[in-house]
Protein backbone atom coordinates (compact mmCIF):
# COMPACT_ATOMS: atom_id res chain seq x y z
CA MET A 1 11.85 -15.13 -17.68
CA SER A 2 12.63 -18.14 -15.56
CA SER A 3 11.37 -20.36 -18.25
CA ILE A 4 13.49 -18.97 -21.10
CA MET A 5 16.24 -17.01 -19.64
CA LEU A 6 17.34 -19.18 -16.74
CA PRO A 7 18.59 -22.09 -18.53
CA LEU A 8 20.82 -19.81 -20.61
CA PHE A 9 22.82 -18.91 -17.45
CA LEU A 10 23.26 -22.43 -16.40
CA PRO A 11 26.35 -24.55 -17.19
CA ALA A 12 26.10 -26.79 -20.23
CA GLY A 13 24.12 -30.01 -19.58
CA MET A 14 22.56 -28.85 -16.36
CA VAL A 15 18.64 -28.89 -16.62
CA ILE A 16 16.20 -27.58 -13.99
CA GLY A 17 12.66 -28.72 -13.96
CA GLY A 18 9.56 -26.34 -14.26
CA LEU A 19 8.77 -26.28 -10.59
CA GLU A 20 12.42 -25.50 -9.67
CA ARG A 21 12.34 -22.68 -12.14
CA ALA A 22 9.20 -21.26 -10.98
CA MET A 23 10.36 -21.42 -7.32
CA ILE A 24 13.60 -19.69 -8.32
CA ALA A 25 11.60 -16.79 -10.13
CA ILE A 26 9.19 -16.36 -7.29
CA VAL A 27 11.94 -16.42 -4.66
CA LEU A 28 14.17 -13.87 -6.49
CA PHE A 29 10.99 -11.62 -7.29
CA THR A 30 9.78 -11.66 -3.85
CA ALA A 31 13.33 -11.06 -2.30
CA ALA A 32 13.60 -8.08 -4.34
CA TYR A 33 10.34 -6.72 -3.19
CA ILE A 34 10.85 -7.44 0.48
CA ALA A 35 14.40 -5.85 0.27
CA GLU A 36 12.76 -2.74 -1.12
CA VAL A 37 10.05 -2.57 1.65
CA PHE A 38 12.60 -2.91 4.40
CA ARG A 39 14.78 -0.30 2.76
CA GLY A 40 11.86 2.10 2.77
CA GLY A 41 11.17 1.12 6.47
CA LEU A 42 14.64 1.92 7.41
CA GLN A 43 14.60 5.22 5.70
CA LEU A 44 11.55 6.27 7.51
CA VAL A 45 13.22 6.04 10.89
CA PRO A 46 13.88 9.61 12.00
CA ARG A 47 17.45 10.70 11.94
CA GLY A 48 16.98 11.99 15.61
CA GLN A 49 16.79 8.32 16.74
CA PHE A 50 20.33 7.72 15.44
CA GLU A 51 21.47 11.00 17.15
CA ALA A 52 19.69 10.02 20.41
CA ALA A 53 21.36 6.74 20.53
CA SER A 54 24.70 8.25 19.89
CA SER A 55 24.33 10.67 22.62
CA LEU A 56 23.52 7.90 25.00
CA GLY A 57 26.97 6.31 23.93
CA LEU A 58 25.44 3.26 21.97
CA GLY A 59 27.61 1.95 19.28
CA TYR A 60 26.56 0.97 15.75
CA TRP A 61 25.35 -2.52 16.35
CA LYS A 62 23.43 -1.71 19.54
CA THR A 63 21.71 1.27 17.90
CA THR A 64 20.70 -0.96 14.80
CA PHE A 65 19.29 -3.78 16.92
CA LEU A 66 17.87 -1.84 19.89
CA ILE A 67 16.64 1.23 18.22
CA VAL A 68 16.48 1.27 14.45
CA LEU A 69 15.21 -2.27 13.69
CA PRO A 70 12.31 -2.25 16.00
CA GLN A 71 10.96 0.88 14.72
CA ALA A 72 11.53 -0.09 11.17
CA PHE A 73 9.83 -3.47 11.57
CA ARG A 74 6.60 -1.63 13.05
CA ILE A 75 6.66 0.56 9.93
CA VAL A 76 7.05 -2.25 7.37
CA ILE A 77 4.39 -4.54 8.68
CA PRO A 78 1.45 -3.27 6.50
CA PRO A 79 3.59 -3.36 3.06
CA LEU A 80 5.14 -6.60 3.97
CA VAL A 81 1.72 -8.30 4.45
CA ASN A 82 0.74 -6.66 1.13
CA THR A 83 3.67 -8.27 -0.52
CA PHE A 84 2.89 -11.76 0.88
CA ILE A 85 -0.64 -11.41 -0.20
CA GLU A 86 0.53 -10.41 -3.67
CA VAL A 87 2.82 -13.53 -3.85
CA PHE A 88 0.12 -15.86 -2.78
CA LYS A 89 -2.19 -14.54 -5.60
CA ASP A 90 0.73 -14.54 -8.11
CA THR A 91 1.13 -18.26 -7.56
CA THR A 92 -1.29 -18.49 -10.49
CA LEU A 93 1.53 -17.32 -12.67
CA VAL A 94 3.22 -20.61 -12.42
CA ILE A 95 0.79 -21.95 -15.20
CA ILE A 96 3.22 -20.30 -17.68
CA VAL A 97 5.75 -23.00 -17.00
CA GLY A 98 3.23 -25.57 -17.26
CA LEU A 99 2.40 -26.27 -13.46
CA PHE A 100 -1.09 -26.64 -12.01
CA ASP A 101 -2.43 -24.26 -9.53
CA LEU A 102 -5.71 -23.72 -7.76
CA LEU A 103 -7.33 -21.76 -10.55
CA ASN A 104 -6.03 -23.95 -13.40
CA THR A 105 -7.35 -27.09 -11.43
CA THR A 106 -10.69 -25.39 -11.28
CA ARG A 107 -10.58 -24.66 -15.05
CA THR A 108 -9.57 -28.23 -15.72
CA ALA A 109 -12.44 -29.59 -13.55
CA VAL A 110 -15.02 -27.44 -15.15
CA LEU A 111 -13.98 -28.78 -18.53
CA ASP A 112 -15.03 -32.34 -17.54
CA ILE A 113 -18.64 -32.98 -18.54
CA THR A 114 -19.55 -34.02 -15.08
CA TRP A 115 -18.48 -30.60 -13.44
CA ARG A 116 -19.54 -28.31 -16.25
CA PRO A 117 -23.00 -27.61 -14.64
CA TYR A 118 -21.17 -26.63 -11.53
CA TYR A 119 -18.75 -24.17 -13.01
CA ALA A 120 -20.06 -21.20 -10.99
CA GLU A 121 -19.57 -22.99 -7.76
CA ALA A 122 -16.38 -24.19 -8.71
CA TYR A 123 -14.94 -20.71 -9.33
CA LEU A 124 -16.76 -19.40 -6.35
CA PHE A 125 -15.10 -22.00 -4.18
CA ALA A 126 -11.55 -21.21 -5.61
CA GLY A 127 -12.38 -17.45 -4.99
CA LEU A 128 -13.40 -18.22 -1.46
CA ILE A 129 -10.08 -20.03 -0.88
CA TYR A 130 -8.15 -16.97 -2.08
CA PHE A 131 -10.34 -14.57 -0.08
CA PHE A 132 -10.07 -16.46 3.13
CA PHE A 133 -6.21 -16.95 2.94
CA CYS A 134 -5.69 -13.21 2.19
CA PHE A 135 -8.32 -12.23 4.85
CA TYR A 136 -6.48 -14.33 7.39
CA MET A 137 -3.11 -12.77 6.38
CA SER A 138 -4.37 -9.28 6.63
CA HIS A 139 -6.19 -10.09 10.00
CA ILE A 140 -2.79 -11.48 11.46
CA SER A 141 -1.18 -8.20 10.21
CA LEU A 142 -3.69 -6.15 12.12
CA LEU A 143 -3.22 -8.15 15.35
CA ILE A 144 0.53 -7.71 15.13
CA GLU A 145 0.15 -4.13 14.47
CA ARG A 146 -2.10 -3.69 17.49
CA ARG A 147 0.28 -5.64 19.76
CA LEU A 148 3.16 -3.63 18.84
CA ALA A 149 1.21 -0.29 19.17
CA LYS A 150 0.42 -1.45 22.63
CA SER A 151 3.92 -2.01 23.43
CA THR A 152 4.93 1.63 22.38
CA ARG A 153 2.26 3.36 24.73
CA HIS A 154 3.46 4.62 27.99
């Protein structure tokens, strides 16, 4: 989409390179997903929270920043981290616009006659890189969830 359609929306004579097109596409795609995750989190905050804040005399902004957003943030941590992991894995899609990523670099290395006997190790190494990054992101998410769960206990 960014490779074919984006140049059609630009003024005549304006050219955007492949890296910029890929970045624009990934940013717009990710922004839409993150907005949807936060929208869902905001909808899951019980209506009683708004009523309780209103009965305490809190205005709209105080209710939003002190009551609603902290609860919504706790709710959206798991899907937000899932979105970040998906975006990290989807970076391999930049090959469509002719940019190299980790997996394509591995493919290119394996095509070399010197590296051909080590193709299994090369793909295993690339897989381990993806695994460790995704595992680390999910582990950080669990730590954040545990810390926030401790702060809500009385």
